[in-house]
Amino acid sequence: MSLPTPPTSPSLEIPPGLDVVYANLARISHSPADIVIDFAHILPGDTKATVKARVLMSPLSAKLLVRALTENIARYESAFGEITIPTNTSLAENLFRPHQPPEPPKDAKA
């Protein structure tokens, strides 16, 4: 009796000319049968973003995507440090303000 062969990941073929889409905004909606994720890019000061890609998934596939993203973000943070989520309320302020160096510890000497 032989052991079952472990499943292998499918090989992905990226077609020539495939458009790459950068998104800094995602809108998620759902129906009983589908999860829809719209990806868009918005610039500072704009109030309207155009959807550049729409991904339609089954709820099971979406849940597996969440699991895969969670695992990959954990690996990323292990390698590069924690990703901090800004506390500002403005999307544009979070995404487009100039980089602010961290404040020195309060007990540091000036």
C-alpha atoms as a PDB file:
ATOM      1  CA  MET A   1       0.000   0.000   0.000  1.00  0.00           C
ATOM      2  CA  SER A   2       1.494   3.350  -1.041  1.00  0.00           C
ATOM      3  CA  LEU A   3       0.980   6.671   0.657  1.00  0.00           C
ATOM      4  CA  PRO A   4      -1.157   9.223  -1.169  1.00  0.00           C
ATOM      5  CA  THR A   5       0.790  11.805  -3.125  1.00  0.00           C
ATOM      6  CA  PRO A   6       0.540  15.236  -1.507  1.00  0.00           C
ATOM      7  CA  PRO A   7      -1.326  17.774  -3.636  1.00  0.00           C
ATOM      8  CA  THR A   8       0.830  20.115  -5.671  1.00  0.00           C
ATOM      9  CA  SER A   9       0.164  23.758  -6.377  1.00  0.00           C
ATOM     10  CA  PRO A  10      -0.884  24.520  -9.923  1.00  0.00           C
ATOM     11  CA  SER A  11       1.691  26.283 -12.038  1.00  0.00           C
ATOM     12  CA  LEU A  12       0.582  29.790 -12.930  1.00  0.00           C
ATOM     13  CA  GLU A  13       1.140  31.153 -16.393  1.00  0.00           C
ATOM     14  CA  ILE A  14       1.318  34.924 -16.675  1.00  0.00           C
ATOM     15  CA  PRO A  15       0.301  35.919 -20.182  1.00  0.00           C
ATOM     16  CA  PRO A  16       2.473  38.424 -22.054  1.00  0.00           C
ATOM     17  CA  GLY A  17       1.069  41.933 -21.877  1.00  0.00           C
ATOM     18  CA  LEU A  18      -0.849  41.340 -18.642  1.00  0.00           C
ATOM     19  CA  ASP A  19      -1.639  44.725 -17.111  1.00  0.00           C
ATOM     20  CA  VAL A  20      -0.284  45.229 -13.599  1.00  0.00           C
ATOM     21  CA  VAL A  21      -2.662  47.199 -11.387  1.00  0.00           C
ATOM     22  CA  TYR A  22      -1.563  49.186  -8.331  1.00  0.00           C
ATOM     23  CA  ALA A  23      -4.331  49.636  -5.782  1.00  0.00           C
ATOM     24  CA  ASN A  24      -4.409  51.617  -2.574  1.00  0.00           C
ATOM     25  CA  LEU A  25      -8.151  51.243  -2.144  1.00  0.00           C
ATOM     26  CA  ALA A  26     -10.317  48.145  -2.094  1.00  0.00           C
ATOM     27  CA  ARG A  27     -14.084  47.880  -1.724  1.00  0.00           C
ATOM     28  CA  ILE A  28     -15.537  44.539  -0.703  1.00  0.00           C
ATOM     29  CA  SER A  29     -19.154  43.501  -1.150  1.00  0.00           C
ATOM     30  CA  HIS A  30     -20.964  40.182  -1.225  1.00  0.00           C
ATOM     31  CA  SER A  31     -24.054  38.256  -2.167  1.00  0.00           C
ATOM     32  CA  PRO A  32     -25.068  34.878  -0.746  1.00  0.00           C
ATOM     33  CA  ALA A  33     -22.960  33.166  -3.433  1.00  0.00           C
ATOM     34  CA  ASP A  34     -20.057  35.529  -4.143  1.00  0.00           C
ATOM     35  CA  ILE A  35     -17.505  37.907  -2.629  1.00  0.00           C
ATOM     36  CA  VAL A  36     -16.611  40.844  -4.892  1.00  0.00           C
ATOM     37  CA  ILE A  37     -13.422  42.860  -4.392  1.00  0.00           C
ATOM     38  CA  ASP A  38     -13.014  46.054  -6.409  1.00  0.00           C
ATOM     39  CA  PHE A  39      -9.476  47.467  -6.536  1.00  0.00           C
ATOM     40  CA  ALA A  40      -8.859  51.157  -7.234  1.00  0.00           C
ATOM     41  CA  HIS A  41      -6.164  53.805  -6.997  1.00  0.00           C
ATOM     42  CA  ILE A  42      -6.967  57.199  -5.497  1.00  0.00           C
ATOM     43  CA  LEU A  43      -4.743  60.282  -5.472  1.00  0.00           C
ATOM     44  CA  PRO A  44      -4.492  62.900  -2.731  1.00  0.00           C
ATOM     45  CA  GLY A  45      -7.296  65.416  -2.928  1.00  0.00           C
ATOM     46  CA  ASP A  46      -9.419  63.254  -5.224  1.00  0.00           C
ATOM     47  CA  THR A  47     -12.890  62.275  -4.123  1.00  0.00           C
ATOM     48  CA  LYS A  48     -13.488  59.742  -6.884  1.00  0.00           C
ATOM     49  CA  ALA A  49     -11.536  56.584  -7.673  1.00  0.00           C
ATOM     50  CA  THR A  50     -11.938  54.439 -10.773  1.00  0.00           C
ATOM     51  CA  VAL A  51     -12.059  50.684 -10.302  1.00  0.00           C
ATOM     52  CA  LYS A  52      -9.083  49.170 -12.149  1.00  0.00           C
ATOM     53  CA  ALA A  53      -9.752  45.491 -11.383  1.00  0.00           C
ATOM     54  CA  ARG A  54     -12.641  43.452 -10.012  1.00  0.00           C
ATOM     55  CA  VAL A  55     -12.139  40.008  -8.494  1.00  0.00           C
ATOM     56  CA  LEU A  56     -15.131  37.741  -7.970  1.00  0.00           C
ATOM     57  CA  MET A  57     -14.638  34.776  -5.613  1.00  0.00           C
ATOM     58  CA  SER A  58     -16.645  32.118  -3.877  1.00  0.00           C
ATOM     59  CA  PRO A  59     -16.910  32.620  -0.096  1.00  0.00           C
ATOM     60  CA  LEU A  60     -14.655  29.562   0.402  1.00  0.00           C
ATOM     61  CA  SER A  61     -11.990  30.958  -1.947  1.00  0.00           C
ATOM     62  CA  ALA A  62     -12.191  34.346  -0.228  1.00  0.00           C
ATOM     63  CA  LYS A  63     -11.718  32.731   3.191  1.00  0.00           C
ATOM     64  CA  LEU A  64      -8.705  30.807   1.887  1.00  0.00           C
ATOM     65  CA  LEU A  65      -7.333  34.080   0.480  1.00  0.00           C
ATOM     66  CA  VAL A  66      -7.691  35.698   3.918  1.00  0.00           C
ATOM     67  CA  ARG A  67      -5.769  32.777   5.440  1.00  0.00           C
ATOM     68  CA  ALA A  68      -3.014  33.028   2.809  1.00  0.00           C
ATOM     69  CA  LEU A  69      -2.722  36.811   3.258  1.00  0.00           C
ATOM     70  CA  THR A  70      -2.555  36.424   7.048  1.00  0.00           C
ATOM     71  CA  GLU A  71       0.240  33.848   6.760  1.00  0.00           C
ATOM     72  CA  ASN A  72       2.169  35.962   4.237  1.00  0.00           C
ATOM     73  CA  ILE A  73       1.865  39.152   6.292  1.00  0.00           C
ATOM     74  CA  ALA A  74       3.122  37.259   9.360  1.00  0.00           C
ATOM     75  CA  ARG A  75       6.157  36.078   7.346  1.00  0.00           C
ATOM     76  CA  TYR A  76       6.722  39.592   6.001  1.00  0.00           C
ATOM     77  CA  GLU A  77       6.619  41.080   9.515  1.00  0.00           C
ATOM     78  CA  SER A  78       9.005  38.386  10.778  1.00  0.00           C
ATOM     79  CA  ALA A  79      11.488  39.406   8.104  1.00  0.00           C
ATOM     80  CA  PHE A  80      10.982  43.183   7.977  1.00  0.00           C
ATOM     81  CA  GLY A  81       9.251  44.236  11.203  1.00  0.00           C
ATOM     82  CA  GLU A  82       5.705  45.024  12.185  1.00  0.00           C
ATOM     83  CA  ILE A  83       3.505  46.924   9.765  1.00  0.00           C
ATOM     84  CA  THR A  84       1.960  49.761  11.731  1.00  0.00           C
ATOM     85  CA  ILE A  85      -1.520  50.894  10.844  1.00  0.00           C
ATOM     86  CA  PRO A  86      -1.869  54.698  10.972  1.00  0.00           C
ATOM     87  CA  THR A  87      -4.380  56.086  13.438  1.00  0.00           C
ATOM     88  CA  ASN A  88      -5.400  59.115  11.352  1.00  0.00           C
ATOM     89  CA  THR A  89      -8.965  59.150  10.120  1.00  0.00           C
ATOM     90  CA  SER A  90      -8.281  60.512   6.634  1.00  0.00           C
ATOM     91  CA  LEU A  91      -7.442  57.968   3.933  1.00  0.00           C
ATOM     92  CA  ALA A  92      -5.451  60.563   1.993  1.00  0.00           C
ATOM     93  CA  GLU A  93      -3.553  61.613   5.133  1.00  0.00           C
ATOM     94  CA  ASN A  94      -2.700  57.963   5.873  1.00  0.00           C
ATOM     95  CA  LEU A  95      -1.499  57.247   2.364  1.00  0.00           C
ATOM     96  CA  PHE A  96       0.107  60.464   1.176  1.00  0.00           C
ATOM     97  CA  ARG A  97       1.572  62.453   4.055  1.00  0.00           C
ATOM     98  CA  PRO A  98       5.361  62.836   4.025  1.00  0.00           C
ATOM     99  CA  HIS A  99       7.311  60.206   5.934  1.00  0.00           C
ATOM    100  CA  GLN A 100       7.608  61.095   9.604  1.00  0.00           C
ATOM    101  CA  PRO A 101      10.597  59.658  11.481  1.00  0.00           C
ATOM    102  CA  PRO A 102       9.682  58.052  14.801  1.00  0.00           C
ATOM    103  CA  GLU A 103       9.786  60.301  17.832  1.00  0.00           C
ATOM    104  CA  PRO A 104      12.771  59.697  20.147  1.00  0.00           C
ATOM    105  CA  PRO A 105      11.960  57.960  23.440  1.00  0.00           C
ATOM    106  CA  LYS A 106      10.822  60.399  26.131  1.00  0.00           C
ATOM    107  CA  ASP A 107      13.682  59.400  28.432  1.00  0.00           C
ATOM    108  CA  ALA A 108      16.319  60.181  25.738  1.00  0.00           C
ATOM    109  CA  LYS A 109      18.638  63.090  26.416  1.00  0.00           C
ATOM    110  CA  ALA A 110      18.394  66.010  24.001  1.00  0.00           C
END
